[in-house]
Protein backbone atom coordinates (compact mmCIF):
# COMPACT_ATOMS: atom_id res chain seq x y z
CA UNK A 1 237.09 21.87 61.29
CA UNK A 2 238.74 24.61 63.11
CA UNK A 3 240.01 27.86 61.51
CA UNK A 4 242.27 30.12 63.24
CA UNK A 5 242.18 33.96 62.80
CA UNK A 6 245.15 35.79 64.07
CA UNK A 7 244.10 39.37 64.57
CA UNK A 8 246.90 40.43 67.25
CA UNK A 9 248.10 43.94 66.78
CA UNK A 10 244.99 45.03 64.73
CA UNK A 11 242.35 47.54 65.86
CA UNK A 12 238.62 47.38 65.37
CA UNK A 13 236.99 46.66 62.90
CA UNK A 14 239.70 44.62 61.49
CA UNK A 15 239.37 41.77 63.86
CA UNK A 16 235.50 41.71 63.28
CA UNK A 17 235.74 42.01 59.70
CA UNK A 18 238.20 39.16 59.53
CA UNK A 19 235.80 37.13 61.70
CA UNK A 20 232.87 37.67 59.74
CA UNK A 21 234.63 36.73 56.75
CA UNK A 22 235.24 33.31 58.14
CA UNK A 23 231.91 33.01 59.24
CA UNK A 24 230.52 33.84 55.81
CA UNK A 25 233.18 31.58 53.96
CA UNK A 26 231.61 28.65 56.11
CA UNK A 27 233.52 25.18 56.24
CA UNK A 28 234.15 25.97 60.18
CA UNK A 29 232.56 24.42 63.09
CA UNK A 30 234.91 26.26 65.21
CA UNK A 31 236.97 29.45 64.78
CA UNK A 32 239.89 30.37 67.12
CA UNK A 33 240.16 34.26 67.26
CA UNK A 34 243.50 35.71 68.49
CA UNK A 35 243.23 39.54 69.64
CA UNK A 36 245.17 41.58 71.99
CA UNK A 37 242.74 44.06 73.72
CA UNK A 38 239.43 43.86 75.54
CA UNK A 39 237.64 46.23 72.80
CA UNK A 40 238.30 43.69 70.32
CA UNK A 41 237.31 40.71 72.31
CA UNK A 42 233.98 42.23 73.09
CA UNK A 43 233.35 43.24 69.56
CA UNK A 44 234.39 39.82 67.93
CA UNK A 45 231.98 38.14 70.65
CA UNK A 46 229.28 40.31 69.78
CA UNK A 47 229.38 39.80 66.09
CA UNK A 48 229.51 36.45 66.23
CA UNK A 49 226.79 35.97 68.59
CA UNK A 50 224.60 38.15 66.42
CA UNK A 51 225.20 35.73 63.65
CA UNK A 52 224.18 32.48 65.50
CA UNK A 53 227.79 31.75 66.79
CA UNK A 54 228.29 30.86 70.45
CA UNK A 55 231.38 32.15 72.50
CA UNK A 56 232.89 28.64 74.01
CA UNK A 57 235.26 30.30 76.00
CA UNK A 58 237.86 33.22 76.39
CA UNK A 59 241.41 32.55 77.61
CA UNK A 60 244.08 35.05 78.25
CA UNK A 61 247.91 34.25 77.82
CA UNK A 62 250.67 36.74 78.31
CA UNK A 63 248.31 39.84 77.14
CA UNK A 64 246.82 37.73 74.20
CA UNK A 65 243.29 36.70 74.26
CA UNK A 66 242.13 33.56 72.80
CA UNK A 67 238.28 33.56 71.86
CA UNK A 68 237.01 30.09 70.84
CA UNK A 69 233.68 30.19 68.92
CA UNK A 70 231.38 27.56 67.87
CA UNK A 71 228.55 27.53 65.16
CA UNK A 72 225.05 27.14 66.32
């Protein structure tokens, strides 16, 4: 199951907190996190990796960043 988190327009630490809540809730093998700045991208990736998730990819489109995280 894939879960999408839309954190565009939010500043840190909100995108990180939303991502960590989704990780803690479980049930998703993949998370798609939408952010709109590099700081949030870096912090979300670091927080997820610290909890055993891997960054499968980061794509940029029209100023928005889409981070794909995979469990394990």
